[in-house]
Amino acid sequence: MKSLLFLILALPLMASVVTQKIEKGQLSQKQNFNGTLSFNEKSRLASESEGLITKLYFDEGDYVKQGQLLLEIDTQILNANIKATKASIKEVEFSLERARLDFKRYEVLLAKQSVSRQKYDEFYFQKMELEQKLLALVSSLQAQNISKSKKSLRAPFNGYISQRSVQVGEWLKEGTQIALLINPDKVDITIHLPSSYIRTITHNKTVTVSINDKAYEARVIGALLSGNEKTRTFPLRLRLLPTKEIFFDGMQARLSLEKSSTPNVLLVSRDGLIKRFGKDVVFIVKENKAVMVPVKIIGFEGSNVALFAPELKEGDLVITKGNERIRPNQAIVK
């Protein structure tokens, strides 16, 4: 009866806990560097011709595809000139066909010595003159068609319209900026690093960057040769790998690089580290009791912490849950 009463009184003093083995591993000390996002492919679209804007097919924020028609400039006068040139070409073609037939006849007559050389030359040069005139008109028509093609603007690549600088009814001069087009699929990150870090990063290597606390993959393009004389840093250029996320020019990105590495350290979950009496301690399990061990923090590796204490060794069981409420040397239940 007395032993049963003792067991009942002892049960509430036993704490239920979760443990984890101490492991040996490598501690990597990392340093964070901040960089800036920018769009590698962006174009300030401009007019190649002057004229009155008659139609606009885009607005700010629109997504446009390569080759999509964006703008049209008035072509009434140019269309009339093209029509006139085409008519002139037809007229010269008829005259040239007649001149060629006449020339062939005079070639035969000259061979028979039935016509003078002077008369033959007249028809020869008449044919040549018409051929040159036709060539000039065809070239003029080509130039007019090129000019007409410049009276419209098409998107040079897929992207978003970031700015629109014109309205329907405006008169454009040659070179007037029309819009800013940005390709969202080519996002670069520029990070300024000390030379010691630059040397450790290889071309085309894939690294992880953090943008708005989310991780993204990026490919190393390379280091730019022009550095900052005051800070002694050098720009490293990264290219974000394809993602469905939308980014904005000027956003911040963070890159973590290894500063140093310490092998064969004791690693345990951060949950096992607590404060007691103003010191960093862990509780390990020995003979079903919680033993408090003061520790020295070497560093952090992800969700683990690297610790040192003479009493700790690889394989020891560290209490990771329930350690806040237990007392030194308290009996535990795992």
C-alpha atoms as a PDB file:
ATOM      1  CA  MET A   1       0.000   0.000   0.000  1.00  0.00           C
ATOM      2  CA  LYS A   2       2.840   2.386   0.867  1.00  0.00           C
ATOM      3  CA  SER A   3       4.719   1.563  -2.372  1.00  0.00           C
ATOM      4  CA  LEU A   4       1.574   2.277  -4.444  1.00  0.00           C
ATOM      5  CA  LEU A   5       1.111   5.622  -2.707  1.00  0.00           C
ATOM      6  CA  PHE A   6       4.786   6.479  -3.449  1.00  0.00           C
ATOM      7  CA  LEU A   7       4.313   5.679  -7.149  1.00  0.00           C
ATOM      8  CA  ILE A   8       1.217   7.858  -7.391  1.00  0.00           C
ATOM      9  CA  LEU A   9       3.050  10.787  -5.781  1.00  0.00           C
ATOM     10  CA  ALA A  10       6.076  10.317  -8.036  1.00  0.00           C
ATOM     11  CA  LEU A  11       4.269  10.193 -11.370  1.00  0.00           C
ATOM     12  CA  PRO A  12       3.509  13.939 -11.678  1.00  0.00           C
ATOM     13  CA  LEU A  13       7.247  14.680 -11.205  1.00  0.00           C
ATOM     14  CA  MET A  14       8.174  12.754 -14.393  1.00  0.00           C
ATOM     15  CA  ALA A  15       8.209  14.931 -17.526  1.00  0.00           C
ATOM     16  CA  SER A  16       7.306  13.753 -21.020  1.00  0.00           C
ATOM     17  CA  VAL A  17       9.857  15.046 -23.533  1.00  0.00           C
ATOM     18  CA  VAL A  18      11.111  14.674 -27.116  1.00  0.00           C
ATOM     19  CA  THR A  19      14.806  14.099 -27.733  1.00  0.00           C
ATOM     20  CA  GLN A  20      17.270  14.261 -30.613  1.00  0.00           C
ATOM     21  CA  LYS A  21      20.743  12.817 -30.981  1.00  0.00           C
ATOM     22  CA  ILE A  22      23.723  15.124 -31.194  1.00  0.00           C
ATOM     23  CA  GLU A  23      25.426  14.729 -34.564  1.00  0.00           C
ATOM     24  CA  LYS A  24      28.772  15.762 -35.919  1.00  0.00           C
ATOM     25  CA  GLY A  25      28.801  17.937 -39.002  1.00  0.00           C
ATOM     26  CA  GLN A  26      30.197  20.983 -40.747  1.00  0.00           C
ATOM     27  CA  LEU A  27      29.339  24.534 -39.766  1.00  0.00           C
ATOM     28  CA  SER A  28      29.288  27.056 -42.591  1.00  0.00           C
ATOM     29  CA  GLN A  29      29.434  30.677 -41.551  1.00  0.00           C
ATOM     30  CA  LYS A  30      27.627  32.750 -44.174  1.00  0.00           C
ATOM     31  CA  GLN A  31      27.480  36.438 -45.008  1.00  0.00           C
ATOM     32  CA  ASN A  32      24.558  38.128 -46.695  1.00  0.00           C
ATOM     33  CA  PHE A  33      24.953  40.582 -49.578  1.00  0.00           C
ATOM     34  CA  ASN A  34      22.177  42.752 -50.954  1.00  0.00           C
ATOM     35  CA  GLY A  35      21.669  43.378 -54.656  1.00  0.00           C
ATOM     36  CA  THR A  36      19.241  45.092 -57.016  1.00  0.00           C
ATOM     37  CA  LEU A  37      16.929  43.646 -59.645  1.00  0.00           C
ATOM     38  CA  SER A  38      16.880  45.109 -63.132  1.00  0.00           C
ATOM     39  CA  PHE A  39      15.384  44.042 -66.444  1.00  0.00           C
ATOM     40  CA  ASN A  40      18.056  42.996 -68.902  1.00  0.00           C
ATOM     41  CA  GLU A  41      15.871  43.500 -71.968  1.00  0.00           C
ATOM     42  CA  LYS A  42      13.986  46.772 -72.081  1.00  0.00           C
ATOM     43  CA  SER A  43      13.480  49.004 -75.060  1.00  0.00           C
ATOM     44  CA  ARG A  44      12.492  52.632 -75.379  1.00  0.00           C
ATOM     45  CA  LEU A  45      10.339  52.324 -78.476  1.00  0.00           C
ATOM     46  CA  ALA A  46      10.620  55.319 -80.796  1.00  0.00           C
ATOM     47  CA  SER A  47       9.111  56.489 -84.056  1.00  0.00           C
ATOM     48  CA  GLU A  48      11.115  55.891 -87.243  1.00  0.00           C
ATOM     49  CA  SER A  49       8.964  58.332 -89.157  1.00  0.00           C
ATOM     50  CA  GLU A  50       7.118  61.571 -88.629  1.00  0.00           C
ATOM     51  CA  GLY A  51       3.387  61.973 -88.957  1.00  0.00           C
ATOM     52  CA  LEU A  52       0.031  62.114 -87.209  1.00  0.00           C
ATOM     53  CA  ILE A  53      -0.921  59.233 -84.887  1.00  0.00           C
ATOM     54  CA  THR A  54      -4.204  57.763 -86.099  1.00  0.00           C
ATOM     55  CA  LYS A  55      -4.464  54.584 -83.978  1.00  0.00           C
ATOM     56  CA  LEU A  56      -3.021  53.240 -80.724  1.00  0.00           C
ATOM     57  CA  TYR A  57      -3.382  49.566 -79.802  1.00  0.00           C
ATOM     58  CA  PHE A  58      -1.798  49.501 -76.341  1.00  0.00           C
ATOM     59  CA  ASP A  59      -1.898  51.088 -72.917  1.00  0.00           C
ATOM     60  CA  GLU A  60       0.379  51.144 -69.893  1.00  0.00           C
ATOM     61  CA  GLY A  61       0.485  47.774 -68.152  1.00  0.00           C
ATOM     62  CA  ASP A  62      -0.537  45.798 -71.250  1.00  0.00           C
ATOM     63  CA  TYR A  63       1.268  42.578 -72.107  1.00  0.00           C
ATOM     64  CA  VAL A  64       2.157  42.498 -75.805  1.00  0.00           C
ATOM     65  CA  LYS A  65       3.615  39.769 -77.998  1.00  0.00           C
ATOM     66  CA  GLN A  66       6.478  40.039 -80.451  1.00  0.00           C
ATOM     67  CA  GLY A  67       5.237  41.436 -83.780  1.00  0.00           C
ATOM     68  CA  GLN A  68       1.996  42.807 -82.291  1.00  0.00           C
ATOM     69  CA  LEU A  69       0.842  46.078 -83.886  1.00  0.00           C
ATOM     70  CA  LEU A  70       1.112  48.943 -81.395  1.00  0.00           C
ATOM     71  CA  LEU A  71       0.641  52.165 -83.349  1.00  0.00           C
ATOM     72  CA  GLU A  72      -0.282  53.545 -86.782  1.00  0.00           C
ATOM     73  CA  ILE A  73       0.659  56.890 -88.340  1.00  0.00           C
ATOM     74  CA  ASP A  74      -1.363  58.601 -91.087  1.00  0.00           C
ATOM     75  CA  THR A  75      -0.364  57.335 -94.570  1.00  0.00           C
ATOM     76  CA  GLN A  76      -2.889  59.060 -96.866  1.00  0.00           C
ATOM     77  CA  ILE A  77      -0.340  61.108 -98.824  1.00  0.00           C
ATOM     78  CA  LEU A  78       2.099  58.209 -98.938  1.00  0.00           C
ATOM     79  CA  ASN A  79      -0.629  55.859-100.196  1.00  0.00           C
ATOM     80  CA  ALA A  80      -1.450  58.309-103.015  1.00  0.00           C
ATOM     81  CA  ASN A  81       2.225  58.520-104.003  1.00  0.00           C
ATOM     82  CA  ILE A  82       2.516  54.729-104.013  1.00  0.00           C
ATOM     83  CA  LYS A  83      -0.562  54.489-106.232  1.00  0.00           C
ATOM     84  CA  ALA A  84       0.899  57.023-108.641  1.00  0.00           C
ATOM     85  CA  THR A  85       4.241  55.233-108.748  1.00  0.00           C
ATOM     86  CA  LYS A  86       2.552  51.902-109.486  1.00  0.00           C
ATOM     87  CA  ALA A  87       0.640  53.537-112.363  1.00  0.00           C
ATOM     88  CA  SER A  88       3.877  55.008-113.737  1.00  0.00           C
ATOM     89  CA  ILE A  89       5.509  51.572-113.569  1.00  0.00           C
ATOM     90  CA  LYS A  90       2.669  50.060-115.623  1.00  0.00           C
ATOM     91  CA  GLU A  91       2.960  52.850-118.188  1.00  0.00           C
ATOM     92  CA  VAL A  92       6.726  52.384-118.563  1.00  0.00           C
ATOM     93  CA  GLU A  93       6.328  48.579-118.740  1.00  0.00           C
ATOM     94  CA  PHE A  94       3.970  48.965-121.723  1.00  0.00           C
ATOM     95  CA  SER A  95       6.313  51.410-123.461  1.00  0.00           C
ATOM     96  CA  LEU A  96       9.290  49.142-122.760  1.00  0.00           C
ATOM     97  CA  GLU A  97       7.544  46.103-124.195  1.00  0.00           C
ATOM     98  CA  ARG A  98       6.824  48.027-127.406  1.00  0.00           C
ATOM     99  CA  ALA A  99      10.393  49.337-127.547  1.00  0.00           C
ATOM    100  CA  ARG A 100      11.797  45.823-127.163  1.00  0.00           C
ATOM    101  CA  LEU A 101       9.656  44.533-130.031  1.00  0.00           C
ATOM    102  CA  ASP A 102      10.748  47.427-132.232  1.00  0.00           C
ATOM    103  CA  PHE A 103      14.375  46.824-131.319  1.00  0.00           C
ATOM    104  CA  LYS A 104      14.154  43.144-132.251  1.00  0.00           C
ATOM    105  CA  ARG A 105      12.788  44.060-135.669  1.00  0.00           C
ATOM    106  CA  TYR A 106      15.581  46.555-136.265  1.00  0.00           C
ATOM    107  CA  GLU A 107      18.146  43.937-135.190  1.00  0.00           C
ATOM    108  CA  VAL A 108      16.895  41.727-138.036  1.00  0.00           C
ATOM    109  CA  LEU A 109      16.875  44.606-140.515  1.00  0.00           C
ATOM    110  CA  LEU A 110      20.390  45.654-139.504  1.00  0.00           C
ATOM    111  CA  ALA A 111      21.639  42.132-140.094  1.00  0.00           C
ATOM    112  CA  LYS A 112      20.182  42.278-143.606  1.00  0.00           C
ATOM    113  CA  GLN A 113      21.636  45.777-144.002  1.00  0.00           C
ATOM    114  CA  SER A 114      18.114  47.041-144.651  1.00  0.00           C
ATOM    115  CA  VAL A 115      18.366  49.850-142.070  1.00  0.00           C
ATOM    116  CA  SER A 116      21.035  52.298-141.105  1.00  0.00           C
ATOM    117  CA  ARG A 117      23.172  51.865-137.998  1.00  0.00           C
ATOM    118  CA  GLN A 118      21.971  55.250-136.742  1.00  0.00           C
ATOM    119  CA  LYS A 119      18.339  54.147-136.803  1.00  0.00           C
ATOM    120  CA  TYR A 120      19.229  50.923-135.010  1.00  0.00           C
ATOM    121  CA  ASP A 121      21.078  52.873-132.276  1.00  0.00           C
ATOM    122  CA  GLU A 122      18.062  55.129-131.747  1.00  0.00           C
ATOM    123  CA  PHE A 123      15.845  52.150-130.913  1.00  0.00           C
ATOM    124  CA  TYR A 124      18.586  50.538-128.798  1.00  0.00           C
ATOM    125  CA  PHE A 125      19.052  53.622-126.598  1.00  0.00           C
ATOM    126  CA  GLN A 126      15.291  54.155-126.388  1.00  0.00           C
ATOM    127  CA  LYS A 127      14.949  50.622-124.967  1.00  0.00           C
ATOM    128  CA  MET A 128      17.835  51.191-122.565  1.00  0.00           C
ATOM    129  CA  GLU A 129      16.344  54.497-121.378  1.00  0.00           C
ATOM    130  CA  LEU A 130      13.005  52.854-120.618  1.00  0.00           C
ATOM    131  CA  GLU A 131      14.700  49.982-118.766  1.00  0.00           C
ATOM    132  CA  GLN A 132      16.558  52.440-116.548  1.00  0.00           C
ATOM    133  CA  LYS A 133      13.395  54.451-115.983  1.00  0.00           C
ATOM    134  CA  LEU A 134      11.566  51.283-114.929  1.00  0.00           C
ATOM    135  CA  LEU A 135      14.398  50.383-112.585  1.00  0.00           C
ATOM    136  CA  ALA A 136      14.236  53.849-110.985  1.00  0.00           C
ATOM    137  CA  LEU A 137      10.452  53.624-110.536  1.00  0.00           C
ATOM    138  CA  VAL A 138      10.673  50.154-108.975  1.00  0.00           C
ATOM    139  CA  SER A 139      13.361  51.390-106.567  1.00  0.00           C
ATOM    140  CA  SER A 140      11.194  54.404-105.738  1.00  0.00           C
ATOM    141  CA  LEU A 141       8.236  52.107-105.015  1.00  0.00           C
ATOM    142  CA  GLN A 142      10.411  49.980-102.721  1.00  0.00           C
ATOM    143  CA  ALA A 143      11.508  53.103-100.851  1.00  0.00           C
ATOM    144  CA  GLN A 144       7.895  54.252-100.499  1.00  0.00           C
ATOM    145  CA  ASN A 145       6.846  50.823 -99.168  1.00  0.00           C
ATOM    146  CA  ILE A 146       9.681  50.941 -96.650  1.00  0.00           C
ATOM    147  CA  SER A 147       8.528  54.397 -95.588  1.00  0.00           C
ATOM    148  CA  LYS A 148       4.997  53.046 -95.205  1.00  0.00           C
ATOM    149  CA  SER A 149       6.208  50.184 -93.034  1.00  0.00           C
ATOM    150  CA  LYS A 150       7.797  52.772 -90.761  1.00  0.00           C
ATOM    151  CA  LYS A 151       4.392  54.412 -90.318  1.00  0.00           C
ATOM    152  CA  SER A 152       3.463  51.592 -87.943  1.00  0.00           C
ATOM    153  CA  LEU A 153       5.171  50.220 -84.866  1.00  0.00           C
ATOM    154  CA  ARG A 154       5.281  46.574 -83.777  1.00  0.00           C
ATOM    155  CA  ALA A 155       6.581  45.029 -80.551  1.00  0.00           C
ATOM    156  CA  PRO A 156      10.175  43.806 -80.977  1.00  0.00           C
ATOM    157  CA  PHE A 157       9.740  41.154 -78.243  1.00  0.00           C
ATOM    158  CA  ASN A 158       7.226  39.843 -75.697  1.00  0.00           C
ATOM    159  CA  GLY A 159       6.817  42.091 -72.689  1.00  0.00           C
ATOM    160  CA  TYR A 160       4.900  44.631 -70.653  1.00  0.00           C
ATOM    161  CA  ILE A 161       4.329  48.264 -71.577  1.00  0.00           C
ATOM    162  CA  SER A 162       5.828  50.146 -68.636  1.00  0.00           C
ATOM    163  CA  GLN A 163       5.294  53.678 -69.978  1.00  0.00           C
ATOM    164  CA  ARG A 164       3.244  55.273 -72.742  1.00  0.00           C
ATOM    165  CA  SER A 165       4.382  58.690 -73.944  1.00  0.00           C
ATOM    166  CA  VAL A 166       1.930  59.538 -76.773  1.00  0.00           C
ATOM    167  CA  GLN A 167      -1.770  59.925 -77.554  1.00  0.00           C
ATOM    168  CA  VAL A 168      -3.928  59.582 -80.669  1.00  0.00           C
ATOM    169  CA  GLY A 169      -3.844  62.822 -82.673  1.00  0.00           C
ATOM    170  CA  GLU A 170      -0.299  63.795 -81.705  1.00  0.00           C
ATOM    171  CA  TRP A 171       2.231  64.699 -84.359  1.00  0.00           C
ATOM    172  CA  LEU A 172       5.293  62.536 -84.080  1.00  0.00           C
ATOM    173  CA  LYS A 173       8.751  63.577 -85.099  1.00  0.00           C
ATOM    174  CA  GLU A 174      11.323  61.025 -86.136  1.00  0.00           C
ATOM    175  CA  GLY A 175      12.878  59.546 -82.978  1.00  0.00           C
ATOM    176  CA  THR A 176      10.053  60.545 -80.626  1.00  0.00           C
ATOM    177  CA  GLN A 177       9.793  58.102 -77.704  1.00  0.00           C
ATOM    178  CA  ILE A 178       6.513  56.202 -77.795  1.00  0.00           C
ATOM    179  CA  ALA A 179       6.695  53.648 -74.975  1.00  0.00           C
ATOM    180  CA  LEU A 180       8.974  51.651 -72.675  1.00  0.00           C
ATOM    181  CA  LEU A 181       8.732  47.895 -73.248  1.00  0.00           C
ATOM    182  CA  ILE A 182      10.119  45.479 -70.648  1.00  0.00           C
ATOM    183  CA  ASN A 183      10.743  41.757 -71.025  1.00  0.00           C
ATOM    184  CA  PRO A 184       9.762  40.201 -67.656  1.00  0.00           C
ATOM    185  CA  ASP A 185      11.537  36.921 -68.465  1.00  0.00           C
ATOM    186  CA  LYS A 186      15.046  38.388 -68.404  1.00  0.00           C
ATOM    187  CA  VAL A 187      15.631  39.629 -64.874  1.00  0.00           C
ATOM    188  CA  ASP A 188      19.187  40.362 -63.755  1.00  0.00           C
ATOM    189  CA  ILE A 189      20.544  40.925 -60.262  1.00  0.00           C
ATOM    190  CA  THR A 190      23.622  43.019 -59.602  1.00  0.00           C
ATOM    191  CA  ILE A 191      25.396  42.431 -56.268  1.00  0.00           C
ATOM    192  CA  HIS A 192      28.587  44.207 -55.211  1.00  0.00           C
ATOM    193  CA  LEU A 193      31.036  41.791 -53.592  1.00  0.00           C
ATOM    194  CA  PRO A 194      34.600  41.968 -52.235  1.00  0.00           C
ATOM    195  CA  SER A 195      37.144  40.404 -54.560  1.00  0.00           C
ATOM    196  CA  SER A 196      37.676  37.458 -52.177  1.00  0.00           C
ATOM    197  CA  TYR A 197      34.075  36.366 -52.754  1.00  0.00           C
ATOM    198  CA  ILE A 198      34.095  37.108 -56.479  1.00  0.00           C
ATOM    199  CA  ARG A 199      36.891  34.591 -57.010  1.00  0.00           C
ATOM    200  CA  THR A 200      34.880  31.752 -55.447  1.00  0.00           C
ATOM    201  CA  ILE A 201      31.919  32.036 -57.846  1.00  0.00           C
ATOM    202  CA  THR A 202      32.172  30.316 -61.213  1.00  0.00           C
ATOM    203  CA  HIS A 203      30.481  31.235 -64.481  1.00  0.00           C
ATOM    204  CA  ASN A 204      27.100  29.535 -65.104  1.00  0.00           C
ATOM    205  CA  LYS A 205      26.943  28.280 -61.509  1.00  0.00           C
ATOM    206  CA  THR A 206      23.403  28.116 -60.068  1.00  0.00           C
ATOM    207  CA  VAL A 207      22.909  29.961 -56.769  1.00  0.00           C
ATOM    208  CA  THR A 208      19.934  30.676 -54.516  1.00  0.00           C
ATOM    209  CA  VAL A 209      18.818  34.250 -53.899  1.00  0.00           C
ATOM    210  CA  SER A 210      16.127  35.607 -51.600  1.00  0.00           C
ATOM    211  CA  ILE A 211      13.546  38.117 -52.855  1.00  0.00           C
ATOM    212  CA  ASN A 212      10.787  39.199 -50.469  1.00  0.00           C
ATOM    213  CA  ASP A 213      11.810  36.304 -48.182  1.00  0.00           C
ATOM    214  CA  LYS A 214      11.253  33.733 -50.931  1.00  0.00           C
ATOM    215  CA  ALA A 215      14.011  31.634 -52.480  1.00  0.00           C
ATOM    216  CA  TYR A 216      14.682  31.680 -56.232  1.00  0.00           C
ATOM    217  CA  GLU A 217      17.311  30.089 -58.436  1.00  0.00           C
ATOM    218  CA  ALA A 218      19.689  32.285 -60.440  1.00  0.00           C
ATOM    219  CA  ARG A 219      22.540  31.615 -62.857  1.00  0.00           C
ATOM    220  CA  VAL A 220      25.879  33.375 -62.523  1.00  0.00           C
ATOM    221  CA  ILE A 221      26.596  35.447 -65.632  1.00  0.00           C
ATOM    222  CA  GLY A 222      29.913  36.740 -64.347  1.00  0.00           C
ATOM    223  CA  ALA A 223      31.712  39.555 -62.607  1.00  0.00           C
ATOM    224  CA  LEU A 224      31.962  42.939 -64.284  1.00  0.00           C
ATOM    225  CA  LEU A 225      35.514  44.207 -64.535  1.00  0.00           C
ATOM    226  CA  SER A 226      34.727  47.741 -63.366  1.00  0.00           C
ATOM    227  CA  GLY A 227      34.789  47.959 -59.550  1.00  0.00           C
ATOM    228  CA  ASN A 228      34.130  50.659 -56.964  1.00  0.00           C
ATOM    229  CA  GLU A 229      37.372  52.324 -55.844  1.00  0.00           C
ATOM    230  CA  LYS A 230      35.898  53.586 -52.560  1.00  0.00           C
ATOM    231  CA  THR A 231      34.303  50.346 -51.335  1.00  0.00           C
ATOM    232  CA  ARG A 232      36.716  47.991 -53.158  1.00  0.00           C
ATOM    233  CA  THR A 233      33.786  45.891 -54.327  1.00  0.00           C
ATOM    234  CA  PHE A 234      32.987  44.446 -57.722  1.00  0.00           C
ATOM    235  CA  PRO A 235      29.601  43.910 -59.366  1.00  0.00           C
ATOM    236  CA  LEU A 236      28.477  40.314 -59.826  1.00  0.00           C
ATOM    237  CA  ARG A 237      25.711  39.798 -62.405  1.00  0.00           C
ATOM    238  CA  LEU A 238      23.132  37.009 -61.937  1.00  0.00           C
ATOM    239  CA  ARG A 239      20.223  35.994 -64.200  1.00  0.00           C
ATOM    240  CA  LEU A 240      17.062  34.707 -62.526  1.00  0.00           C
ATOM    241  CA  LEU A 241      15.909  31.365 -63.870  1.00  0.00           C
ATOM    242  CA  PRO A 242      12.364  31.297 -65.354  1.00  0.00           C
ATOM    243  CA  THR A 243       9.584  31.681 -62.810  1.00  0.00           C
ATOM    244  CA  LYS A 244       5.919  32.668 -62.856  1.00  0.00           C
ATOM    245  CA  GLU A 245       6.516  35.427 -60.309  1.00  0.00           C
ATOM    246  CA  ILE A 246       6.272  39.065 -61.369  1.00  0.00           C
ATOM    247  CA  PHE A 247       9.131  41.331 -60.281  1.00  0.00           C
ATOM    248  CA  PHE A 248       9.703  45.075 -60.396  1.00  0.00           C
ATOM    249  CA  ASP A 249      12.721  47.062 -61.467  1.00  0.00           C
ATOM    250  CA  GLY A 250      14.767  48.076 -58.418  1.00  0.00           C
ATOM    251  CA  MET A 251      13.601  45.334 -56.041  1.00  0.00           C
ATOM    252  CA  GLN A 252      16.091  44.048 -53.463  1.00  0.00           C
ATOM    253  CA  ALA A 253      17.614  40.571 -53.645  1.00  0.00           C
ATOM    254  CA  ARG A 254      19.843  38.875 -51.062  1.00  0.00           C
ATOM    255  CA  LEU A 255      22.629  36.378 -51.694  1.00  0.00           C
ATOM    256  CA  SER A 256      24.213  34.304 -48.890  1.00  0.00           C
ATOM    257  CA  LEU A 257      27.802  33.200 -49.427  1.00  0.00           C
ATOM    258  CA  GLU A 258      29.994  30.996 -47.257  1.00  0.00           C
ATOM    259  CA  LYS A 259      32.395  33.036 -45.168  1.00  0.00           C
ATOM    260  CA  SER A 260      34.163  30.185 -43.376  1.00  0.00           C
ATOM    261  CA  SER A 261      33.703  26.487 -42.660  1.00  0.00           C
ATOM    262  CA  THR A 262      34.324  24.550 -39.440  1.00  0.00           C
ATOM    263  CA  PRO A 263      34.330  20.731 -39.691  1.00  0.00           C
ATOM    264  CA  ASN A 264      33.482  18.165 -36.985  1.00  0.00           C
ATOM    265  CA  VAL A 265      31.284  20.354 -34.799  1.00  0.00           C
ATOM    266  CA  LEU A 266      28.435  19.094 -32.616  1.00  0.00           C
ATOM    267  CA  LEU A 267      25.076  19.953 -34.158  1.00  0.00           C
ATOM    268  CA  VAL A 268      21.628  19.846 -32.585  1.00  0.00           C
ATOM    269  CA  SER A 269      18.232  21.390 -33.325  1.00  0.00           C
ATOM    270  CA  ARG A 270      17.835  25.008 -32.252  1.00  0.00           C
ATOM    271  CA  ASP A 271      14.824  23.857 -30.207  1.00  0.00           C
ATOM    272  CA  GLY A 272      17.227  22.143 -27.821  1.00  0.00           C
ATOM    273  CA  LEU A 273      18.941  25.428 -26.868  1.00  0.00           C
ATOM    274  CA  ILE A 274      17.342  27.442 -24.056  1.00  0.00           C
ATOM    275  CA  LYS A 275      18.280  30.082 -21.462  1.00  0.00           C
ATOM    276  CA  ARG A 276      18.591  29.184 -17.781  1.00  0.00           C
ATOM    277  CA  PHE A 277      20.002  31.517 -15.139  1.00  0.00           C
ATOM    278  CA  GLY A 278      21.164  33.853 -17.903  1.00  0.00           C
ATOM    279  CA  LYS A 279      23.207  31.143 -19.642  1.00  0.00           C
ATOM    280  CA  ASP A 280      22.802  29.102 -22.814  1.00  0.00           C
ATOM    281  CA  VAL A 281      22.116  25.496 -21.813  1.00  0.00           C
ATOM    282  CA  VAL A 282      20.838  22.199 -23.156  1.00  0.00           C
ATOM    283  CA  PHE A 283      19.317  19.286 -21.293  1.00  0.00           C
ATOM    284  CA  ILE A 284      20.668  15.855 -22.106  1.00  0.00           C
ATOM    285  CA  VAL A 285      19.264  12.551 -20.948  1.00  0.00           C
ATOM    286  CA  LYS A 286      21.380  10.451 -18.600  1.00  0.00           C
ATOM    287  CA  GLU A 287      19.934   7.478 -16.720  1.00  0.00           C
ATOM    288  CA  ASN A 288      16.401   8.726 -17.504  1.00  0.00           C
ATOM    289  CA  LYS A 289      17.104  12.083 -15.919  1.00  0.00           C
ATOM    290  CA  ALA A 290      17.423  15.575 -17.424  1.00  0.00           C
ATOM    291  CA  VAL A 291      20.970  16.844 -16.942  1.00  0.00           C
ATOM    292  CA  MET A 292      21.537  20.555 -17.579  1.00  0.00           C
ATOM    293  CA  VAL A 293      24.729  21.374 -19.502  1.00  0.00           C
ATOM    294  CA  PRO A 294      25.952  24.967 -20.063  1.00  0.00           C
ATOM    295  CA  VAL A 295      27.168  25.352 -23.649  1.00  0.00           C
ATOM    296  CA  LYS A 296      29.057  27.719 -25.882  1.00  0.00           C
ATOM    297  CA  ILE A 297      27.389  28.611 -29.180  1.00  0.00           C
ATOM    298  CA  ILE A 298      29.770  28.278 -32.134  1.00  0.00           C
ATOM    299  CA  GLY A 299      27.262  29.247 -34.802  1.00  0.00           C
ATOM    300  CA  PHE A 300      24.048  28.387 -36.584  1.00  0.00           C
ATOM    301  CA  GLU A 301      23.546  26.121 -39.590  1.00  0.00           C
ATOM    302  CA  GLY A 302      19.979  26.277 -40.901  1.00  0.00           C
ATOM    303  CA  SER A 303      17.659  24.858 -38.216  1.00  0.00           C
ATOM    304  CA  ASN A 304      20.622  23.519 -36.214  1.00  0.00           C
ATOM    305  CA  VAL A 305      23.001  25.123 -33.770  1.00  0.00           C
ATOM    306  CA  ALA A 306      26.674  24.222 -33.369  1.00  0.00           C
ATOM    307  CA  LEU A 307      27.632  23.827 -29.698  1.00  0.00           C
ATOM    308  CA  PHE A 308      30.644  23.113 -27.532  1.00  0.00           C
ATOM    309  CA  ALA A 309      30.803  21.760 -23.999  1.00  0.00           C
ATOM    310  CA  PRO A 310      33.271  19.260 -22.512  1.00  0.00           C
ATOM    311  CA  GLU A 311      30.357  17.159 -21.260  1.00  0.00           C
ATOM    312  CA  LEU A 312      28.782  16.762 -24.727  1.00  0.00           C
ATOM    313  CA  LYS A 313      29.623  14.119 -27.309  1.00  0.00           C
ATOM    314  CA  GLU A 314      28.194  12.726 -30.521  1.00  0.00           C
ATOM    315  CA  GLY A 315      25.175  10.498 -29.868  1.00  0.00           C
ATOM    316  CA  ASP A 316      24.027  12.202 -26.654  1.00  0.00           C
ATOM    317  CA  LEU A 317      20.262  12.717 -26.453  1.00  0.00           C
ATOM    318  CA  VAL A 318      19.299  16.387 -26.244  1.00  0.00           C
ATOM    319  CA  ILE A 319      15.790  17.332 -25.118  1.00  0.00           C
ATOM    320  CA  THR A 320      14.187  19.440 -27.890  1.00  0.00           C
ATOM    321  CA  LYS A 321      10.575  19.550 -26.654  1.00  0.00           C
ATOM    322  CA  GLY A 322       9.527  19.890 -23.055  1.00  0.00           C
ATOM    323  CA  ASN A 323      12.853  21.400 -22.023  1.00  0.00           C
ATOM    324  CA  GLU A 324      11.294  24.718 -20.969  1.00  0.00           C
ATOM    325  CA  ARG A 325       9.373  23.158 -18.096  1.00  0.00           C
ATOM    326  CA  ILE A 326      11.811  20.563 -16.745  1.00  0.00           C
ATOM    327  CA  ARG A 327      14.192  20.957 -13.812  1.00  0.00           C
ATOM    328  CA  PRO A 328      17.756  19.748 -13.522  1.00  0.00           C
ATOM    329  CA  ASN A 329      17.939  16.038 -12.633  1.00  0.00           C
ATOM    330  CA  GLN A 330      14.168  15.629 -13.075  1.00  0.00           C
ATOM    331  CA  ALA A 331      13.055  12.175 -14.124  1.00  0.00           C
ATOM    332  CA  ILE A 332      11.744  12.082 -17.664  1.00  0.00           C
ATOM    333  CA  VAL A 333       9.611   9.926 -19.948  1.00  0.00           C
ATOM    334  CA  LYS A 334      10.615   9.772 -23.603  1.00  0.00           C
END
